[in-house]
Amino acid sequence: MGIEPYESALDDVPGAHPYPRSSRYAGIGIGVHTMPDGSEVRYAKRRLLPALEEARHDAVPHVVGSGERPDQVGQRYFGDPGQWWRIADANPVLDPRELTDEPGKEIAVPLPGGFPGGTGGPGVRNG
């Protein structure tokens, strides 16, 4: 028996880690800024994404259906509607609703296990 069930249980424990493993911010470092009064403010460090060309290389095309929403596409491809952000990361959108606002538009859907939210290095973009 692997450690997976125990790791999954940690997602439900408040304070076990700042973000669940399914979050786009999982694995992102947490920074601490000290205010002039000495109080500390914690924040998520910047998340870097692969260049769009790289993201599209590790993706499959999806043609948007009428009335389709980003969460539905996330459910279809990842089995979790909360994974819409993976699709948004692979496309040139600022607002996730732009992914599905136009029926018939082709969007990129990253392959499961594809880029995990950016690794840094050349060709990355802020996300």
N, C-alpha and C. Protein backbone atom coordinates (compact mmCIF):
# COMPACT_ATOMS: atom_id res chain seq x y z
N MET A 1 0.85 -1.18 0.00
CA MET A 1 0.00 0.00 0.00
C MET A 1 0.89 1.24 0.00
N GLY A 2 0.65 2.16 -0.92
CA GLY A 2 1.46 3.36 -1.04
C GLY A 2 1.04 4.43 -0.05
N ILE A 3 1.71 5.54 -0.14
CA ILE A 3 1.45 6.65 0.78
C ILE A 3 0.32 7.54 0.27
N GLU A 4 -0.15 7.31 -0.95
CA GLU A 4 -1.17 8.16 -1.57
C GLU A 4 -2.38 8.44 -0.69
N PRO A 5 -3.02 7.43 -0.05
CA PRO A 5 -4.19 7.76 0.78
C PRO A 5 -3.85 8.73 1.91
N TYR A 6 -2.66 8.62 2.44
CA TYR A 6 -2.27 9.52 3.53
C TYR A 6 -2.02 10.92 3.01
N GLU A 7 -1.42 11.03 1.82
CA GLU A 7 -1.21 12.35 1.23
C GLU A 7 -2.54 13.00 0.90
N SER A 8 -3.48 12.23 0.38
CA SER A 8 -4.80 12.77 0.05
C SER A 8 -5.50 13.26 1.31
N ALA A 9 -5.35 12.56 2.41
CA ALA A 9 -5.99 12.97 3.66
C ALA A 9 -5.47 14.33 4.11
N LEU A 10 -4.21 14.65 3.81
CA LEU A 10 -3.65 15.94 4.20
C LEU A 10 -4.38 17.11 3.54
N ASP A 11 -4.98 16.88 2.37
CA ASP A 11 -5.72 17.95 1.69
C ASP A 11 -6.88 18.44 2.53
N ASP A 12 -7.38 17.62 3.45
CA ASP A 12 -8.53 18.00 4.28
C ASP A 12 -8.13 18.55 5.64
N VAL A 13 -6.82 18.58 5.96
CA VAL A 13 -6.37 19.06 7.25
C VAL A 13 -5.98 20.52 7.14
N PRO A 14 -6.73 21.42 7.79
CA PRO A 14 -6.39 22.84 7.72
C PRO A 14 -4.98 23.08 8.25
N GLY A 15 -4.21 23.86 7.49
CA GLY A 15 -2.86 24.20 7.91
C GLY A 15 -1.81 23.16 7.57
N ALA A 16 -2.21 21.99 7.03
CA ALA A 16 -1.22 20.96 6.70
C ALA A 16 -0.28 21.47 5.61
N HIS A 17 -0.80 22.19 4.66
CA HIS A 17 -0.03 22.89 3.64
C HIS A 17 -0.95 23.98 3.10
N PRO A 18 -0.39 25.04 2.54
CA PRO A 18 -1.23 26.18 2.18
C PRO A 18 -2.25 25.91 1.07
N TYR A 19 -1.94 25.02 0.15
CA TYR A 19 -2.85 24.76 -0.97
C TYR A 19 -2.98 23.26 -1.19
N PRO A 20 -4.18 22.77 -1.55
CA PRO A 20 -4.32 21.34 -1.85
C PRO A 20 -3.51 20.98 -3.09
N ARG A 21 -3.17 19.71 -3.21
CA ARG A 21 -2.33 19.26 -4.33
C ARG A 21 -2.98 19.48 -5.68
N SER A 22 -4.30 19.66 -5.75
CA SER A 22 -4.98 19.89 -7.02
C SER A 22 -4.99 21.38 -7.40
N SER A 23 -4.50 22.23 -6.53
CA SER A 23 -4.49 23.67 -6.78
C SER A 23 -3.37 24.08 -7.73
N ARG A 24 -3.60 25.14 -8.47
CA ARG A 24 -2.55 25.67 -9.35
C ARG A 24 -1.37 26.20 -8.54
N TYR A 25 -1.56 26.43 -7.26
CA TYR A 25 -0.49 26.96 -6.41
C TYR A 25 0.19 25.89 -5.57
N ALA A 26 -0.21 24.62 -5.72
CA ALA A 26 0.46 23.54 -5.01
C ALA A 26 1.92 23.50 -5.43
N GLY A 27 2.79 23.39 -4.49
CA GLY A 27 4.22 23.31 -4.80
C GLY A 27 4.89 24.66 -4.98
N ILE A 28 4.12 25.73 -5.00
CA ILE A 28 4.69 27.07 -5.12
C ILE A 28 5.20 27.47 -3.74
N GLY A 29 6.36 28.07 -3.69
CA GLY A 29 6.91 28.51 -2.42
C GLY A 29 6.09 29.60 -1.77
N ILE A 30 6.17 29.65 -0.47
CA ILE A 30 5.50 30.69 0.30
C ILE A 30 6.56 31.66 0.79
N GLY A 31 6.35 32.94 0.50
CA GLY A 31 7.27 33.97 0.94
C GLY A 31 6.74 34.64 2.19
N VAL A 32 7.63 35.32 2.88
CA VAL A 32 7.23 36.07 4.07
C VAL A 32 7.78 37.48 3.94
N HIS A 33 6.89 38.45 4.05
CA HIS A 33 7.29 39.86 4.01
C HIS A 33 7.12 40.42 5.42
N THR A 34 8.18 41.03 5.93
CA THR A 34 8.10 41.64 7.25
C THR A 34 7.73 43.11 7.10
N MET A 35 6.65 43.49 7.73
CA MET A 35 6.15 44.86 7.68
C MET A 35 7.00 45.74 8.61
N PRO A 36 6.94 47.07 8.41
CA PRO A 36 7.72 47.97 9.27
C PRO A 36 7.43 47.78 10.77
N ASP A 37 6.21 47.34 11.10
CA ASP A 37 5.87 47.15 12.52
C ASP A 37 6.32 45.80 13.05
N GLY A 38 7.00 45.00 12.18
CA GLY A 38 7.50 43.69 12.60
C GLY A 38 6.55 42.55 12.32
N SER A 39 5.31 42.84 11.95
CA SER A 39 4.37 41.76 11.64
C SER A 39 4.76 41.12 10.30
N GLU A 40 4.42 39.86 10.16
CA GLU A 40 4.76 39.12 8.96
C GLU A 40 3.53 38.86 8.11
N VAL A 41 3.69 39.01 6.82
CA VAL A 41 2.63 38.73 5.86
C VAL A 41 3.13 37.61 4.94
N ARG A 42 2.40 36.52 4.89
CA ARG A 42 2.77 35.40 4.02
C ARG A 42 2.08 35.55 2.67
N TYR A 43 2.77 35.14 1.61
CA TYR A 43 2.21 35.25 0.27
C TYR A 43 2.74 34.12 -0.60
N ALA A 44 1.96 33.78 -1.61
CA ALA A 44 2.40 32.78 -2.58
C ALA A 44 3.36 33.44 -3.55
N LYS A 45 4.51 32.81 -3.76
CA LYS A 45 5.47 33.36 -4.71
C LYS A 45 4.94 33.24 -6.13
N ARG A 46 5.59 33.92 -7.03
CA ARG A 46 5.15 33.95 -8.43
C ARG A 46 5.18 32.56 -9.04
N ARG A 47 4.16 32.28 -9.81
CA ARG A 47 4.03 31.00 -10.51
C ARG A 47 4.37 31.23 -11.97
N LEU A 48 5.34 30.50 -12.48
CA LEU A 48 5.75 30.65 -13.87
C LEU A 48 5.14 29.55 -14.72
N LEU A 49 4.74 29.92 -15.91
CA LEU A 49 4.13 28.98 -16.85
C LEU A 49 5.06 28.75 -18.03
N PRO A 50 4.94 27.60 -18.68
CA PRO A 50 5.74 27.39 -19.88
C PRO A 50 5.29 28.34 -20.99
N ALA A 51 6.16 28.59 -21.93
CA ALA A 51 5.78 29.40 -23.10
C ALA A 51 4.59 28.73 -23.77
N LEU A 52 3.72 29.53 -24.39
CA LEU A 52 2.52 28.97 -25.03
C LEU A 52 2.87 27.91 -26.06
N GLU A 53 3.96 28.10 -26.79
CA GLU A 53 4.36 27.11 -27.80
C GLU A 53 4.63 25.77 -27.13
N GLU A 54 5.31 25.79 -25.98
CA GLU A 54 5.62 24.56 -25.25
C GLU A 54 4.34 23.94 -24.69
N ALA A 55 3.46 24.79 -24.15
CA ALA A 55 2.20 24.30 -23.59
C ALA A 55 1.36 23.63 -24.65
N ARG A 56 1.30 24.21 -25.83
CA ARG A 56 0.49 23.64 -26.92
C ARG A 56 1.11 22.36 -27.47
N HIS A 57 2.42 22.22 -27.35
CA HIS A 57 3.09 21.01 -27.81
C HIS A 57 2.65 19.80 -26.99
N ASP A 58 2.42 20.01 -25.70
CA ASP A 58 2.02 18.94 -24.79
C ASP A 58 0.51 18.96 -24.56
N ALA A 59 -0.26 19.23 -25.61
CA ALA A 59 -1.71 19.36 -25.48
C ALA A 59 -2.42 18.72 -26.66
N VAL A 60 -3.73 18.54 -26.48
CA VAL A 60 -4.59 18.06 -27.56
C VAL A 60 -5.61 19.15 -27.87
N PRO A 61 -6.09 19.24 -29.10
CA PRO A 61 -7.09 20.26 -29.42
C PRO A 61 -8.48 19.85 -28.93
N HIS A 62 -9.26 20.84 -28.58
CA HIS A 62 -10.66 20.63 -28.18
C HIS A 62 -11.48 21.72 -28.84
N VAL A 63 -12.56 21.33 -29.51
CA VAL A 63 -13.47 22.29 -30.14
C VAL A 63 -14.59 22.58 -29.14
N VAL A 64 -14.74 23.85 -28.81
CA VAL A 64 -15.71 24.29 -27.81
C VAL A 64 -17.13 24.09 -28.33
N GLY A 65 -17.96 23.46 -27.50
CA GLY A 65 -19.36 23.26 -27.85
C GLY A 65 -20.22 24.42 -27.34
N SER A 66 -21.39 24.56 -27.89
CA SER A 66 -22.32 25.62 -27.50
C SER A 66 -22.70 25.47 -26.02
N GLY A 67 -22.54 26.52 -25.25
CA GLY A 67 -22.90 26.51 -23.84
C GLY A 67 -21.88 25.85 -22.93
N GLU A 68 -20.79 25.39 -23.48
CA GLU A 68 -19.77 24.71 -22.69
C GLU A 68 -19.04 25.71 -21.79
N ARG A 69 -18.66 25.26 -20.59
CA ARG A 69 -17.94 26.11 -19.64
C ARG A 69 -16.58 25.50 -19.33
N PRO A 70 -15.62 26.32 -18.87
CA PRO A 70 -14.28 25.80 -18.54
C PRO A 70 -14.32 24.65 -17.53
N ASP A 71 -15.20 24.73 -16.53
CA ASP A 71 -15.25 23.66 -15.54
C ASP A 71 -15.71 22.34 -16.16
N GLN A 72 -16.60 22.42 -17.15
CA GLN A 72 -17.05 21.20 -17.82
C GLN A 72 -15.92 20.57 -18.63
N VAL A 73 -15.09 21.40 -19.25
CA VAL A 73 -13.95 20.88 -20.01
C VAL A 73 -12.96 20.24 -19.04
N GLY A 74 -12.75 20.87 -17.89
CA GLY A 74 -11.88 20.29 -16.86
C GLY A 74 -12.37 18.93 -16.41
N GLN A 75 -13.69 18.82 -16.19
CA GLN A 75 -14.27 17.54 -15.79
C GLN A 75 -14.08 16.49 -16.88
N ARG A 76 -14.31 16.88 -18.11
CA ARG A 76 -14.22 15.93 -19.23
C ARG A 76 -12.81 15.36 -19.38
N TYR A 77 -11.80 16.22 -19.30
CA TYR A 77 -10.44 15.77 -19.57
C TYR A 77 -9.66 15.33 -18.33
N PHE A 78 -9.99 15.88 -17.17
CA PHE A 78 -9.22 15.58 -15.96
C PHE A 78 -10.03 14.90 -14.87
N GLY A 79 -11.36 14.77 -15.09
CA GLY A 79 -12.19 14.15 -14.08
C GLY A 79 -12.41 15.03 -12.86
N ASP A 80 -12.12 16.32 -13.02
CA ASP A 80 -12.26 17.27 -11.90
C ASP A 80 -12.55 18.65 -12.47
N PRO A 81 -13.73 19.21 -12.20
CA PRO A 81 -14.05 20.52 -12.77
C PRO A 81 -13.12 21.63 -12.28
N GLY A 82 -12.50 21.43 -11.14
CA GLY A 82 -11.57 22.42 -10.60
C GLY A 82 -10.26 22.50 -11.35
N GLN A 83 -10.05 21.61 -12.30
CA GLN A 83 -8.80 21.61 -13.06
C GLN A 83 -8.87 22.47 -14.32
N TRP A 84 -9.91 23.31 -14.43
CA TRP A 84 -10.03 24.24 -15.57
C TRP A 84 -8.78 25.08 -15.73
N TRP A 85 -8.09 25.38 -14.64
CA TRP A 85 -6.91 26.25 -14.69
C TRP A 85 -5.80 25.64 -15.54
N ARG A 86 -5.72 24.31 -15.62
CA ARG A 86 -4.69 23.68 -16.46
C ARG A 86 -4.94 24.04 -17.93
N ILE A 87 -6.21 24.09 -18.31
CA ILE A 87 -6.57 24.43 -19.68
C ILE A 87 -6.31 25.91 -19.93
N ALA A 88 -6.66 26.75 -18.96
CA ALA A 88 -6.40 28.19 -19.10
C ALA A 88 -4.90 28.45 -19.25
N ASP A 89 -4.07 27.71 -18.52
CA ASP A 89 -2.62 27.90 -18.61
C ASP A 89 -2.08 27.61 -20.01
N ALA A 90 -2.74 26.71 -20.74
CA ALA A 90 -2.25 26.31 -22.06
C ALA A 90 -2.77 27.19 -23.18
N ASN A 91 -3.55 28.21 -22.84
CA ASN A 91 -4.16 29.07 -23.85
C ASN A 91 -3.91 30.54 -23.53
N PRO A 92 -3.90 31.39 -24.55
CA PRO A 92 -3.64 32.81 -24.32
C PRO A 92 -4.89 33.57 -23.85
N VAL A 93 -5.31 33.31 -22.61
CA VAL A 93 -6.48 33.98 -22.05
C VAL A 93 -6.13 34.61 -20.71
N LEU A 94 -6.78 35.71 -20.41
CA LEU A 94 -6.65 36.33 -19.09
C LEU A 94 -7.80 35.91 -18.19
N ASP A 95 -8.97 35.75 -18.78
CA ASP A 95 -10.18 35.36 -18.06
C ASP A 95 -10.56 33.97 -18.54
N PRO A 96 -10.71 32.99 -17.64
CA PRO A 96 -11.03 31.63 -18.08
C PRO A 96 -12.29 31.52 -18.91
N ARG A 97 -13.23 32.46 -18.75
CA ARG A 97 -14.45 32.42 -19.55
C ARG A 97 -14.16 32.59 -21.04
N GLU A 98 -13.00 33.20 -21.35
CA GLU A 98 -12.61 33.37 -22.75
C GLU A 98 -12.35 32.02 -23.43
N LEU A 99 -12.06 30.99 -22.63
CA LEU A 99 -11.81 29.67 -23.21
C LEU A 99 -13.02 29.15 -23.98
N THR A 100 -14.20 29.38 -23.45
CA THR A 100 -15.40 28.75 -24.00
C THR A 100 -16.46 29.76 -24.46
N ASP A 101 -16.07 31.02 -24.61
CA ASP A 101 -17.07 32.04 -24.97
C ASP A 101 -17.50 31.99 -26.43
N GLU A 102 -16.79 31.22 -27.23
CA GLU A 102 -17.09 31.18 -28.66
C GLU A 102 -17.22 29.72 -29.14
N PRO A 103 -18.45 29.23 -29.32
CA PRO A 103 -18.62 27.85 -29.81
C PRO A 103 -17.88 27.66 -31.14
N GLY A 104 -17.25 26.51 -31.28
CA GLY A 104 -16.51 26.19 -32.50
C GLY A 104 -15.04 26.57 -32.43
N LYS A 105 -14.67 27.37 -31.43
CA LYS A 105 -13.26 27.75 -31.26
C LYS A 105 -12.45 26.55 -30.80
N GLU A 106 -11.23 26.42 -31.29
CA GLU A 106 -10.36 25.34 -30.87
C GLU A 106 -9.44 25.84 -29.76
N ILE A 107 -9.42 25.10 -28.65
CA ILE A 107 -8.52 25.43 -27.54
C ILE A 107 -7.60 24.24 -27.29
N ALA A 108 -6.49 24.51 -26.62
CA ALA A 108 -5.54 23.46 -26.28
C ALA A 108 -5.86 22.93 -24.89
N VAL A 109 -5.87 21.61 -24.75
CA VAL A 109 -6.06 20.96 -23.46
C VAL A 109 -4.79 20.17 -23.17
N PRO A 110 -4.07 20.51 -22.09
CA PRO A 110 -2.83 19.80 -21.80
C PRO A 110 -3.08 18.32 -21.53
N LEU A 111 -2.11 17.53 -21.92
CA LEU A 111 -2.20 16.10 -21.65
C LEU A 111 -2.09 15.86 -20.16
N PRO A 112 -2.82 14.88 -19.61
CA PRO A 112 -2.65 14.57 -18.19
C PRO A 112 -1.19 14.25 -17.91
N GLY A 113 -0.66 14.83 -16.86
CA GLY A 113 0.74 14.64 -16.53
C GLY A 113 1.65 15.53 -17.34
N GLY A 114 1.06 16.41 -18.17
CA GLY A 114 1.86 17.35 -18.96
C GLY A 114 2.50 18.38 -18.06
N PHE A 115 2.74 19.55 -18.58
CA PHE A 115 3.44 20.56 -17.79
C PHE A 115 2.69 20.83 -16.49
N PRO A 116 3.39 20.84 -15.36
CA PRO A 116 2.75 20.94 -14.05
C PRO A 116 2.51 22.35 -13.56
N GLY A 117 2.55 23.34 -14.41
CA GLY A 117 2.34 24.70 -13.93
C GLY A 117 3.60 25.50 -14.05
N GLY A 118 4.56 25.03 -14.80
CA GLY A 118 5.76 25.81 -15.06
C GLY A 118 6.92 25.36 -14.22
N THR A 119 8.06 25.29 -14.86
CA THR A 119 9.26 24.86 -14.17
C THR A 119 10.32 25.93 -14.17
N GLY A 120 10.02 27.08 -14.72
CA GLY A 120 11.02 28.13 -14.82
C GLY A 120 11.87 27.90 -16.05
N GLY A 121 12.92 28.63 -16.17
CA GLY A 121 13.82 28.47 -17.30
C GLY A 121 13.40 29.31 -18.47
N PRO A 122 14.09 29.14 -19.61
CA PRO A 122 13.79 29.96 -20.77
C PRO A 122 12.38 29.77 -21.28
N GLY A 123 11.82 30.83 -21.78
CA GLY A 123 10.51 30.76 -22.41
C GLY A 123 9.34 30.69 -21.46
N VAL A 124 9.54 30.99 -20.18
CA VAL A 124 8.41 30.94 -19.27
C VAL A 124 7.69 32.27 -19.25
N ARG A 125 6.44 32.25 -18.81
CA ARG A 125 5.67 33.47 -18.69
C ARG A 125 5.04 33.49 -17.30
N ASN A 126 4.68 34.65 -16.85
CA ASN A 126 4.07 34.78 -15.52
C ASN A 126 2.65 34.25 -15.55
N GLY A 127 2.22 33.64 -14.45
CA GLY A 127 0.86 33.13 -14.37
C GLY A 127 0.26 33.34 -13.04
